[in-house]
Amino acid sequence: MFLVSGPALVTAACRAGVIGSFPTANCRTPDELKQWLAGMNDDLARAADATGRAPAPLCPNLIVHRSNPRVPDDLAAVIAARMPMVITSVGSPEPVLKPLKDAGCLVLADVASVRHAEKAVAAGVDGLVLLTAGAGGQTGWANPFAFVRAVRAFWDGIVVMAGGMSDGHAIRAAEVLGCDLAYMGTRFIATRESLAKDGYKDMLVKSRLDDVQLTRAFTGLETNMLRPSIEAAGLDPANLPQRGAIDISKDINAAERDKPNPKRWKDIWSAGHAVSGVADVPSVAELVERTAREYEAARQGA
């Protein structure tokens, strides 16, 4: 989750027993990424020593779009830190796949269509993260029921559903549909360990599903954003300019992030359809425990 998931959120998730992921672009430089990865590895090693139980793995997200100039350096940092798994997003995983696989890394690719899924499978990925219409930030368009079944017609590897996952009942439904894992994003933004501003977390709690707006105005791709944050930035949600070509370099530029004028991600905030299930701001551990109870209740038909 861009500019939201940092070491505190990621390691809290891993310690609670769920995979913790973050975009490598959340770090301002490749050197900072190296520091984050080393610090998180140390944190989880200490947790394992203290509890006698191995935490869930870390999973960096490499934004592989051709406009991202940091791909080679971030890739090198991920491999040097011996990450067990990686998500690739916003582009084909093919350019980074061989070095990651050679390093023994499990590679999951974000895909937003059946065509993207077929290409990722042909490239040799280990798993697919299906970006359905309910995903926050850069999203897909497909209904999750149809998307999962269409992919399962040709793929028996790992399938992860992303979009609209707000509780354990949704995770159980994804499992019954044929998924191995579920990806929860929006719900974890509204946690105490998240890097999100307090105003962002409060807005998630107050917002409803109808407050999520699908637009190309901020990224050049279909993106789910919070309408109240668009309005708070002084923009008219009904009359937004259309952004041109995707340019990841502008999003990750540290100097651009620090400018006081309203920025997408920094001041104009994303959320998926799962915002409908955000009612509070718990700790990550509390959220995971609650979700596990909900999942078990759903599994038992309670």
C-alpha atoms as a PDB file:
ATOM      1  CA  MET A   1       0.000   0.000   0.000  1.00  0.00           C
ATOM      2  CA  PHE A   2       1.765   3.070  -1.301  1.00  0.00           C
ATOM      3  CA  LEU A   3       2.984   5.455   1.440  1.00  0.00           C
ATOM      4  CA  VAL A   4       0.943   3.526   4.021  1.00  0.00           C
ATOM      5  CA  SER A   5       2.649   0.231   4.832  1.00  0.00           C
ATOM      6  CA  GLY A   6       5.947   0.650   6.673  1.00  0.00           C
ATOM      7  CA  PRO A   7       8.079  -1.561   8.909  1.00  0.00           C
ATOM      8  CA  ALA A   8       5.770  -1.303  11.935  1.00  0.00           C
ATOM      9  CA  LEU A   9       2.706  -2.454   9.979  1.00  0.00           C
ATOM     10  CA  VAL A  10       4.528  -5.140   8.001  1.00  0.00           C
ATOM     11  CA  THR A  11       6.314  -6.739  10.941  1.00  0.00           C
ATOM     12  CA  ALA A  12       3.189  -6.570  13.116  1.00  0.00           C
ATOM     13  CA  ALA A  13       1.339  -8.508  10.417  1.00  0.00           C
ATOM     14  CA  CYS A  14       4.095 -11.117  10.180  1.00  0.00           C
ATOM     15  CA  ARG A  15       4.246 -11.525  13.949  1.00  0.00           C
ATOM     16  CA  ALA A  16       0.468 -11.985  13.994  1.00  0.00           C
ATOM     17  CA  GLY A  17       0.779 -14.816  11.478  1.00  0.00           C
ATOM     18  CA  VAL A  18      -0.206 -13.190   8.170  1.00  0.00           C
ATOM     19  CA  ILE A  19       2.069 -12.268   5.262  1.00  0.00           C
ATOM     20  CA  GLY A  20       3.175  -8.638   5.493  1.00  0.00           C
ATOM     21  CA  SER A  21       3.639  -6.778   2.213  1.00  0.00           C
ATOM     22  CA  PHE A  22       4.719  -3.280   1.191  1.00  0.00           C
ATOM     23  CA  PRO A  23       5.728  -1.496  -2.050  1.00  0.00           C
ATOM     24  CA  THR A  24       9.490  -1.037  -2.199  1.00  0.00           C
ATOM     25  CA  ALA A  25       8.733   2.474  -3.511  1.00  0.00           C
ATOM     26  CA  ASN A  26       7.548   3.403  -0.006  1.00  0.00           C
ATOM     27  CA  CYS A  27      11.245   3.873   0.752  1.00  0.00           C
ATOM     28  CA  ARG A  28      12.649   7.115  -0.553  1.00  0.00           C
ATOM     29  CA  THR A  29      15.846   5.490  -1.884  1.00  0.00           C
ATOM     30  CA  PRO A  30      17.232   2.002  -2.534  1.00  0.00           C
ATOM     31  CA  ASP A  31      19.561   2.512   0.431  1.00  0.00           C
ATOM     32  CA  GLU A  32      16.584   3.165   2.686  1.00  0.00           C
ATOM     33  CA  LEU A  33      14.980   0.009   1.294  1.00  0.00           C
ATOM     34  CA  LYS A  34      18.065  -1.965   2.314  1.00  0.00           C
ATOM     35  CA  GLN A  35      17.761  -0.517   5.835  1.00  0.00           C
ATOM     36  CA  TRP A  36      14.061  -1.364   6.031  1.00  0.00           C
ATOM     37  CA  LEU A  37      14.610  -4.946   4.912  1.00  0.00           C
ATOM     38  CA  ALA A  38      17.512  -5.488   7.305  1.00  0.00           C
ATOM     39  CA  GLY A  39      15.571  -3.974  10.199  1.00  0.00           C
ATOM     40  CA  MET A  40      12.458  -6.025   9.492  1.00  0.00           C
ATOM     41  CA  ASN A  41      14.489  -9.219   9.165  1.00  0.00           C
ATOM     42  CA  ASP A  42      16.126  -8.487  12.531  1.00  0.00           C
ATOM     43  CA  ASP A  43      12.765  -7.682  14.141  1.00  0.00           C
ATOM     44  CA  LEU A  44      11.231 -10.945  12.973  1.00  0.00           C
ATOM     45  CA  ALA A  45      14.283 -12.954  13.993  1.00  0.00           C
ATOM     46  CA  ARG A  46      13.989 -11.535  17.505  1.00  0.00           C
ATOM     47  CA  ALA A  47      10.271 -12.353  17.535  1.00  0.00           C
ATOM     48  CA  ALA A  48      11.021 -15.944  16.529  1.00  0.00           C
ATOM     49  CA  ASP A  49      13.624 -16.270  19.287  1.00  0.00           C
ATOM     50  CA  ALA A  50      11.277 -14.823  21.884  1.00  0.00           C
ATOM     51  CA  THR A  51       8.223 -16.916  20.982  1.00  0.00           C
ATOM     52  CA  GLY A  52       9.738 -20.074  19.531  1.00  0.00           C
ATOM     53  CA  ARG A  53       7.395 -19.611  16.569  1.00  0.00           C
ATOM     54  CA  ALA A  54       8.398 -18.491  13.100  1.00  0.00           C
ATOM     55  CA  PRO A  55       6.552 -15.347  11.929  1.00  0.00           C
ATOM     56  CA  ALA A  56       4.832 -15.262   8.561  1.00  0.00           C
ATOM     57  CA  PRO A  57       7.085 -14.155   5.675  1.00  0.00           C
ATOM     58  CA  LEU A  58       7.791 -10.666   4.400  1.00  0.00           C
ATOM     59  CA  CYS A  59       6.662  -9.950   0.846  1.00  0.00           C
ATOM     60  CA  PRO A  60       7.987  -6.792  -0.860  1.00  0.00           C
ATOM     61  CA  ASN A  61       6.006  -5.459  -3.817  1.00  0.00           C
ATOM     62  CA  LEU A  62       8.129  -4.473  -6.812  1.00  0.00           C
ATOM     63  CA  ILE A  63       6.445  -1.903  -9.071  1.00  0.00           C
ATOM     64  CA  VAL A  64       7.868  -3.101 -12.372  1.00  0.00           C
ATOM     65  CA  HIS A  65       6.404  -0.528 -14.752  1.00  0.00           C
ATOM     66  CA  ARG A  66       8.955   0.707 -17.302  1.00  0.00           C
ATOM     67  CA  SER A  67       8.637   4.275 -15.944  1.00  0.00           C
ATOM     68  CA  ASN A  68      10.033   3.209 -12.547  1.00  0.00           C
ATOM     69  CA  PRO A  69      13.783   3.943 -12.655  1.00  0.00           C
ATOM     70  CA  ARG A  70      14.426   2.126  -9.379  1.00  0.00           C
ATOM     71  CA  VAL A  71      13.492  -1.369 -10.515  1.00  0.00           C
ATOM     72  CA  PRO A  72      17.096  -2.667 -10.892  1.00  0.00           C
ATOM     73  CA  ASP A  73      18.270  -1.266  -7.541  1.00  0.00           C
ATOM     74  CA  ASP A  74      15.156  -2.343  -5.635  1.00  0.00           C
ATOM     75  CA  LEU A  75      15.393  -5.796  -7.194  1.00  0.00           C
ATOM     76  CA  ALA A  76      19.019  -6.102  -6.091  1.00  0.00           C
ATOM     77  CA  ALA A  77      18.112  -5.044  -2.535  1.00  0.00           C
ATOM     78  CA  VAL A  78      15.284  -7.596  -2.330  1.00  0.00           C
ATOM     79  CA  ILE A  79      17.530 -10.398  -3.556  1.00  0.00           C
ATOM     80  CA  ALA A  80      20.391  -9.408  -1.226  1.00  0.00           C
ATOM     81  CA  ALA A  81      17.992  -9.484   1.741  1.00  0.00           C
ATOM     82  CA  ARG A  82      16.902 -13.013   0.748  1.00  0.00           C
ATOM     83  CA  MET A  83      13.226 -12.237   0.656  1.00  0.00           C
ATOM     84  CA  PRO A  84      11.202 -15.475   0.492  1.00  0.00           C
ATOM     85  CA  MET A  85       8.493 -14.036  -1.738  1.00  0.00           C
ATOM     86  CA  VAL A  86       7.778 -10.986  -3.884  1.00  0.00           C
ATOM     87  CA  ILE A  87       4.744  -9.428  -5.567  1.00  0.00           C
ATOM     88  CA  THR A  88       5.245  -7.746  -8.940  1.00  0.00           C
ATOM     89  CA  SER A  89       2.776  -5.035  -9.936  1.00  0.00           C
ATOM     90  CA  VAL A  90       1.904  -2.499 -12.659  1.00  0.00           C
ATOM     91  CA  GLY A  91       3.592  -4.378 -15.470  1.00  0.00           C
ATOM     92  CA  SER A  92       4.912  -7.673 -16.720  1.00  0.00           C
ATOM     93  CA  PRO A  93       6.915  -9.720 -14.212  1.00  0.00           C
ATOM     94  CA  GLU A  94       9.089 -11.146 -16.988  1.00  0.00           C
ATOM     95  CA  PRO A  95      12.081  -8.719 -16.680  1.00  0.00           C
ATOM     96  CA  VAL A  96      12.585  -9.513 -12.977  1.00  0.00           C
ATOM     97  CA  LEU A  97      11.405 -13.103 -12.899  1.00  0.00           C
ATOM     98  CA  LYS A  98      14.640 -14.977 -13.629  1.00  0.00           C
ATOM     99  CA  PRO A  99      16.818 -13.239 -11.020  1.00  0.00           C
ATOM    100  CA  LEU A 100      14.102 -13.646  -8.397  1.00  0.00           C
ATOM    101  CA  LYS A 101      13.596 -17.321  -9.201  1.00  0.00           C
ATOM    102  CA  ASP A 102      17.348 -17.920  -9.278  1.00  0.00           C
ATOM    103  CA  ALA A 103      17.467 -16.479  -5.755  1.00  0.00           C
ATOM    104  CA  GLY A 104      14.826 -18.975  -4.609  1.00  0.00           C
ATOM    105  CA  CYS A 105      12.080 -16.357  -4.326  1.00  0.00           C
ATOM    106  CA  LEU A 106       8.394 -17.178  -4.766  1.00  0.00           C
ATOM    107  CA  VAL A 107       6.939 -14.715  -7.279  1.00  0.00           C
ATOM    108  CA  LEU A 108       3.300 -13.591  -7.277  1.00  0.00           C
ATOM    109  CA  ALA A 109       2.109 -11.257 -10.041  1.00  0.00           C
ATOM    110  CA  ASP A 110      -0.689  -8.694  -9.773  1.00  0.00           C
ATOM    111  CA  VAL A 111      -3.028  -9.203 -12.735  1.00  0.00           C
ATOM    112  CA  ALA A 112      -6.156  -7.255 -13.665  1.00  0.00           C
ATOM    113  CA  SER A 113      -7.501  -9.376 -16.522  1.00  0.00           C
ATOM    114  CA  VAL A 114      -7.491 -12.929 -17.831  1.00  0.00           C
ATOM    115  CA  ARG A 115      -5.095 -11.831 -20.568  1.00  0.00           C
ATOM    116  CA  HIS A 116      -2.664 -10.484 -17.959  1.00  0.00           C
ATOM    117  CA  ALA A 117      -3.013 -13.721 -15.999  1.00  0.00           C
ATOM    118  CA  GLU A 118      -2.225 -15.830 -19.067  1.00  0.00           C
ATOM    119  CA  LYS A 119       0.879 -13.761 -19.810  1.00  0.00           C
ATOM    120  CA  ALA A 120       2.109 -14.014 -16.218  1.00  0.00           C
ATOM    121  CA  VAL A 121       1.618 -17.783 -16.220  1.00  0.00           C
ATOM    122  CA  ALA A 122       3.505 -18.060 -19.523  1.00  0.00           C
ATOM    123  CA  ALA A 123       6.350 -16.035 -18.007  1.00  0.00           C
ATOM    124  CA  GLY A 124       6.671 -18.587 -15.182  1.00  0.00           C
ATOM    125  CA  VAL A 125       5.242 -16.963 -12.040  1.00  0.00           C
ATOM    126  CA  ASP A 126       4.355 -19.038  -8.991  1.00  0.00           C
ATOM    127  CA  GLY A 127       1.080 -17.292  -8.242  1.00  0.00           C
ATOM    128  CA  LEU A 128      -1.447 -14.724  -9.392  1.00  0.00           C
ATOM    129  CA  VAL A 129      -2.952 -11.881  -7.367  1.00  0.00           C
ATOM    130  CA  LEU A 130      -6.293 -11.176  -8.999  1.00  0.00           C
ATOM    131  CA  LEU A 131      -7.095  -7.456  -8.828  1.00  0.00           C
ATOM    132  CA  THR A 132     -10.876  -7.437  -8.896  1.00  0.00           C
ATOM    133  CA  ALA A 133     -13.198  -4.464  -9.255  1.00  0.00           C
ATOM    134  CA  GLY A 134     -13.190  -3.917  -5.483  1.00  0.00           C
ATOM    135  CA  ALA A 135      -9.443  -3.383  -5.051  1.00  0.00           C
ATOM    136  CA  GLY A 136      -8.178  -0.098  -3.629  1.00  0.00           C
ATOM    137  CA  GLY A 137      -5.689   2.028  -5.502  1.00  0.00           C
ATOM    138  CA  GLN A 138      -4.959   0.762  -9.001  1.00  0.00           C
ATOM    139  CA  THR A 139      -7.695  -1.778  -9.556  1.00  0.00           C
ATOM    140  CA  GLY A 140      -9.166  -4.275 -11.954  1.00  0.00           C
ATOM    141  CA  TRP A 141     -12.595  -4.280 -13.547  1.00  0.00           C
ATOM    142  CA  ALA A 142     -13.695  -7.919 -13.307  1.00  0.00           C
ATOM    143  CA  ASN A 143     -16.237  -9.430 -10.946  1.00  0.00           C
ATOM    144  CA  PRO A 144     -14.322 -11.696  -8.524  1.00  0.00           C
ATOM    145  CA  PHE A 145     -16.639 -14.675  -9.004  1.00  0.00           C
ATOM    146  CA  ALA A 146     -16.143 -14.712 -12.766  1.00  0.00           C
ATOM    147  CA  PHE A 147     -12.439 -13.779 -12.574  1.00  0.00           C
ATOM    148  CA  VAL A 148     -11.446 -16.582 -10.208  1.00  0.00           C
ATOM    149  CA  ARG A 149     -13.346 -19.262 -12.104  1.00  0.00           C
ATOM    150  CA  ALA A 150     -11.956 -18.085 -15.462  1.00  0.00           C
ATOM    151  CA  VAL A 151      -8.390 -18.254 -14.130  1.00  0.00           C
ATOM    152  CA  ARG A 152      -8.938 -21.616 -12.471  1.00  0.00           C
ATOM    153  CA  ALA A 153      -9.920 -22.998 -15.887  1.00  0.00           C
ATOM    154  CA  PHE A 154      -6.255 -22.889 -16.964  1.00  0.00           C
ATOM    155  CA  TRP A 155      -4.182 -22.364 -13.789  1.00  0.00           C
ATOM    156  CA  ASP A 156      -3.724 -24.700 -10.824  1.00  0.00           C
ATOM    157  CA  GLY A 157      -1.050 -22.672  -9.057  1.00  0.00           C
ATOM    158  CA  ILE A 158      -1.459 -20.122  -6.273  1.00  0.00           C
ATOM    159  CA  VAL A 159      -4.420 -17.754  -6.637  1.00  0.00           C
ATOM    160  CA  VAL A 160      -4.892 -14.735  -4.368  1.00  0.00           C
ATOM    161  CA  MET A 161      -8.033 -12.600  -4.425  1.00  0.00           C
ATOM    162  CA  ALA A 162      -7.584  -8.858  -3.965  1.00  0.00           C
ATOM    163  CA  GLY A 163     -10.508  -6.485  -3.647  1.00  0.00           C
ATOM    164  CA  GLY A 164     -13.371  -6.163  -1.187  1.00  0.00           C
ATOM    165  CA  MET A 165     -11.772  -8.317   1.517  1.00  0.00           C
ATOM    166  CA  SER A 166     -12.917  -6.725   4.774  1.00  0.00           C
ATOM    167  CA  ASP A 167     -13.433  -9.666   7.132  1.00  0.00           C
ATOM    168  CA  GLY A 168     -13.053 -13.387   7.698  1.00  0.00           C
ATOM    169  CA  HIS A 169     -16.358 -14.164   5.996  1.00  0.00           C
ATOM    170  CA  ALA A 170     -15.037 -12.711   2.741  1.00  0.00           C
ATOM    171  CA  ILE A 171     -11.836 -14.726   3.077  1.00  0.00           C
ATOM    172  CA  ARG A 172     -13.818 -17.933   3.546  1.00  0.00           C
ATOM    173  CA  ALA A 173     -15.909 -17.085   0.477  1.00  0.00           C
ATOM    174  CA  ALA A 174     -12.720 -16.594  -1.561  1.00  0.00           C
ATOM    175  CA  GLU A 175     -11.461 -19.969  -0.389  1.00  0.00           C
ATOM    176  CA  VAL A 176     -14.688 -21.727  -1.379  1.00  0.00           C
ATOM    177  CA  LEU A 177     -14.503 -20.014  -4.773  1.00  0.00           C
ATOM    178  CA  GLY A 178     -11.086 -21.544  -5.406  1.00  0.00           C
ATOM    179  CA  CYS A 179      -8.529 -19.096  -3.984  1.00  0.00           C
ATOM    180  CA  ASP A 180      -5.578 -20.105  -1.836  1.00  0.00           C
ATOM    181  CA  LEU A 181      -5.109 -16.721  -0.186  1.00  0.00           C
ATOM    182  CA  ALA A 182      -6.880 -13.390   0.196  1.00  0.00           C
ATOM    183  CA  TYR A 183      -5.274  -9.954   0.037  1.00  0.00           C
ATOM    184  CA  MET A 184      -6.523  -7.365   2.531  1.00  0.00           C
ATOM    185  CA  GLY A 185      -5.379  -3.799   1.980  1.00  0.00           C
ATOM    186  CA  THR A 186      -7.904  -1.109   2.920  1.00  0.00           C
ATOM    187  CA  ARG A 187      -8.717  -2.757   6.242  1.00  0.00           C
ATOM    188  CA  PHE A 188      -5.051  -2.635   7.288  1.00  0.00           C
ATOM    189  CA  ILE A 189      -4.724   1.052   6.430  1.00  0.00           C
ATOM    190  CA  ALA A 190      -7.041   1.689   9.374  1.00  0.00           C
ATOM    191  CA  THR A 191      -4.736   0.132  11.963  1.00  0.00           C
ATOM    192  CA  ARG A 192      -2.647   1.791  14.628  1.00  0.00           C
ATOM    193  CA  GLU A 193       0.642   0.666  13.044  1.00  0.00           C
ATOM    194  CA  SER A 194      -0.216   2.075   9.613  1.00  0.00           C
ATOM    195  CA  LEU A 195       1.704   5.076   8.275  1.00  0.00           C
ATOM    196  CA  ALA A 196      -1.583   6.663   7.157  1.00  0.00           C
ATOM    197  CA  LYS A 197      -2.432  10.069   8.586  1.00  0.00           C
ATOM    198  CA  ASP A 198      -5.019  10.124  11.364  1.00  0.00           C
ATOM    199  CA  GLY A 199      -7.335  12.013   9.023  1.00  0.00           C
ATOM    200  CA  TYR A 200      -7.054   9.219   6.471  1.00  0.00           C
ATOM    201  CA  LYS A 201      -7.897   6.584   9.075  1.00  0.00           C
ATOM    202  CA  ASP A 202     -10.828   8.636  10.352  1.00  0.00           C
ATOM    203  CA  MET A 203     -12.118   9.046   6.801  1.00  0.00           C
ATOM    204  CA  LEU A 204     -11.989   5.288   6.251  1.00  0.00           C
ATOM    205  CA  VAL A 205     -14.082   4.737   9.382  1.00  0.00           C
ATOM    206  CA  LYS A 206     -16.652   7.355   8.340  1.00  0.00           C
ATOM    207  CA  SER A 207     -16.835   6.435   4.648  1.00  0.00           C
ATOM    208  CA  ARG A 208     -19.290   4.086   2.991  1.00  0.00           C
ATOM    209  CA  LEU A 209     -18.958   1.975  -0.126  1.00  0.00           C
ATOM    210  CA  ASP A 210     -20.599   4.745  -2.153  1.00  0.00           C
ATOM    211  CA  ASP A 211     -17.745   7.083  -1.176  1.00  0.00           C
ATOM    212  CA  VAL A 212     -15.289   5.084  -3.317  1.00  0.00           C
ATOM    213  CA  GLN A 213     -14.832   6.656  -6.754  1.00  0.00           C
ATOM    214  CA  LEU A 214     -13.288   4.917  -9.761  1.00  0.00           C
ATOM    215  CA  THR A 215     -11.195   7.357 -11.792  1.00  0.00           C
ATOM    216  CA  ARG A 216      -8.217   7.675 -14.137  1.00  0.00           C
ATOM    217  CA  ALA A 217      -7.521  11.239 -13.044  1.00  0.00           C
ATOM    218  CA  PHE A 218      -4.614  10.537 -10.717  1.00  0.00           C
ATOM    219  CA  THR A 219      -2.588   7.649 -12.139  1.00  0.00           C
ATOM    220  CA  GLY A 220      -3.533   7.061 -15.751  1.00  0.00           C
ATOM    221  CA  LEU A 221      -4.993   3.704 -14.686  1.00  0.00           C
ATOM    222  CA  GLU A 222      -8.395   2.871 -13.247  1.00  0.00           C
ATOM    223  CA  THR A 223      -8.003   3.683  -9.553  1.00  0.00           C
ATOM    224  CA  ASN A 224     -10.395   3.518  -6.604  1.00  0.00           C
ATOM    225  CA  MET A 225     -10.092   6.682  -4.502  1.00  0.00           C
ATOM    226  CA  LEU A 226     -12.011   8.201  -1.588  1.00  0.00           C
ATOM    227  CA  ARG A 227     -14.387  10.888  -2.860  1.00  0.00           C
ATOM    228  CA  PRO A 228     -14.284  12.852   0.443  1.00  0.00           C
ATOM    229  CA  SER A 229     -10.498  13.226   0.114  1.00  0.00           C
ATOM    230  CA  ILE A 230     -10.882  14.497  -3.444  1.00  0.00           C
ATOM    231  CA  GLU A 231     -13.343  17.104  -2.226  1.00  0.00           C
ATOM    232  CA  ALA A 232     -11.087  18.040   0.711  1.00  0.00           C
ATOM    233  CA  ALA A 233      -8.290  18.742  -1.790  1.00  0.00           C
ATOM    234  CA  GLY A 234     -10.511  21.343  -3.463  1.00  0.00           C
ATOM    235  CA  LEU A 235     -11.371  19.238  -6.515  1.00  0.00           C
ATOM    236  CA  ASP A 236     -14.759  18.429  -8.003  1.00  0.00           C
ATOM    237  CA  PRO A 237     -15.113  14.614  -8.142  1.00  0.00           C
ATOM    238  CA  ALA A 238     -17.505  14.969 -11.079  1.00  0.00           C
ATOM    239  CA  ASN A 239     -15.092  17.066 -13.146  1.00  0.00           C
ATOM    240  CA  LEU A 240     -11.626  15.637 -12.732  1.00  0.00           C
ATOM    241  CA  PRO A 241      -8.953  16.075 -15.411  1.00  0.00           C
ATOM    242  CA  GLN A 242      -7.740  12.894 -17.045  1.00  0.00           C
ATOM    243  CA  ARG A 243      -4.087  12.122 -16.434  1.00  0.00           C
ATOM    244  CA  GLY A 244      -1.996  11.031 -19.386  1.00  0.00           C
ATOM    245  CA  ALA A 245       0.604   8.274 -19.492  1.00  0.00           C
ATOM    246  CA  ILE A 246       1.626   6.403 -16.368  1.00  0.00           C
ATOM    247  CA  ASP A 247       4.815   7.795 -14.819  1.00  0.00           C
ATOM    248  CA  ILE A 248       5.812   5.962 -11.644  1.00  0.00           C
ATOM    249  CA  SER A 249       8.923   8.127 -11.311  1.00  0.00           C
ATOM    250  CA  LYS A 250       6.752  11.120 -10.348  1.00  0.00           C
ATOM    251  CA  ASP A 251       4.980   9.146  -7.627  1.00  0.00           C
ATOM    252  CA  ILE A 252       8.153   7.879  -5.992  1.00  0.00           C
ATOM    253  CA  ASN A 253      10.220  11.080  -6.261  1.00  0.00           C
ATOM    254  CA  ALA A 254      11.016  12.148  -2.693  1.00  0.00           C
ATOM    255  CA  ALA A 255      11.120  15.880  -3.520  1.00  0.00           C
ATOM    256  CA  GLU A 256       7.683  15.687  -5.137  1.00  0.00           C
ATOM    257  CA  ARG A 257       6.262  13.941  -2.056  1.00  0.00           C
ATOM    258  CA  ASP A 258       7.362  16.803   0.184  1.00  0.00           C
ATOM    259  CA  LYS A 259       5.697  19.605  -1.780  1.00  0.00           C
ATOM    260  CA  PRO A 260       2.852  21.246   0.178  1.00  0.00           C
ATOM    261  CA  ASN A 261       0.254  21.182  -2.624  1.00  0.00           C
ATOM    262  CA  PRO A 262      -2.265  18.316  -2.600  1.00  0.00           C
ATOM    263  CA  LYS A 263      -0.864  15.080  -4.010  1.00  0.00           C
ATOM    264  CA  ARG A 264      -2.429  11.796  -4.987  1.00  0.00           C
ATOM    265  CA  TRP A 265      -1.680   9.145  -2.361  1.00  0.00           C
ATOM    266  CA  LYS A 266      -0.337  11.795   0.044  1.00  0.00           C
ATOM    267  CA  ASP A 267      -3.513  13.920   0.340  1.00  0.00           C
ATOM    268  CA  ILE A 268      -5.957  12.287  -2.077  1.00  0.00           C
ATOM    269  CA  TRP A 269      -6.433   8.860  -0.615  1.00  0.00           C
ATOM    270  CA  SER A 270      -7.265   5.466  -2.039  1.00  0.00           C
ATOM    271  CA  ALA A 271      -9.628   2.836  -0.690  1.00  0.00           C
ATOM    272  CA  GLY A 272     -11.232  -0.315  -1.988  1.00  0.00           C
ATOM    273  CA  HIS A 273     -14.775  -1.543  -1.596  1.00  0.00           C
ATOM    274  CA  ALA A 274     -13.722  -3.063   1.739  1.00  0.00           C
ATOM    275  CA  VAL A 275     -14.094   0.427   3.223  1.00  0.00           C
ATOM    276  CA  SER A 276     -17.665  -0.690   3.889  1.00  0.00           C
ATOM    277  CA  GLY A 277     -16.261  -2.967   6.614  1.00  0.00           C
ATOM    278  CA  VAL A 278     -14.022  -0.419   8.352  1.00  0.00           C
ATOM    279  CA  ALA A 279     -15.607   0.621  11.648  1.00  0.00           C
ATOM    280  CA  ASP A 280     -12.602   1.210  13.919  1.00  0.00           C
ATOM    281  CA  VAL A 281      -8.805   1.530  14.082  1.00  0.00           C
ATOM    282  CA  PRO A 282      -7.487  -1.505  15.977  1.00  0.00           C
ATOM    283  CA  SER A 283      -3.958  -2.791  16.275  1.00  0.00           C
ATOM    284  CA  VAL A 284      -2.809  -5.229  13.599  1.00  0.00           C
ATOM    285  CA  ALA A 285      -2.800  -8.072  16.135  1.00  0.00           C
ATOM    286  CA  GLU A 286      -6.381  -7.289  17.152  1.00  0.00           C
ATOM    287  CA  LEU A 287      -7.506  -7.116  13.520  1.00  0.00           C
ATOM    288  CA  VAL A 288      -5.882 -10.441  12.633  1.00  0.00           C
ATOM    289  CA  GLU A 289      -7.368 -12.158  15.697  1.00  0.00           C
ATOM    290  CA  ARG A 290     -10.829 -10.787  14.884  1.00  0.00           C
ATOM    291  CA  THR A 291     -10.539 -11.833  11.244  1.00  0.00           C
ATOM    292  CA  ALA A 292      -9.491 -15.349  12.250  1.00  0.00           C
ATOM    293  CA  ARG A 293     -12.564 -15.642  14.489  1.00  0.00           C
ATOM    294  CA  GLU A 294     -14.812 -14.452  11.668  1.00  0.00           C
ATOM    295  CA  TYR A 295     -13.231 -16.916   9.253  1.00  0.00           C
ATOM    296  CA  GLU A 296     -13.715 -19.816  11.643  1.00  0.00           C
ATOM    297  CA  ALA A 297     -17.331 -18.832  12.230  1.00  0.00           C
ATOM    298  CA  ALA A 298     -17.912 -18.710   8.474  1.00  0.00           C
ATOM    299  CA  ARG A 299     -16.160 -22.057   7.994  1.00  0.00           C
ATOM    300  CA  GLN A 300     -18.406 -23.687  10.560  1.00  0.00           C
ATOM    301  CA  GLY A 301     -21.502 -22.058   9.092  1.00  0.00           C
ATOM    302  CA  ALA A 302     -22.213 -20.013  12.204  1.00  0.00           C
END
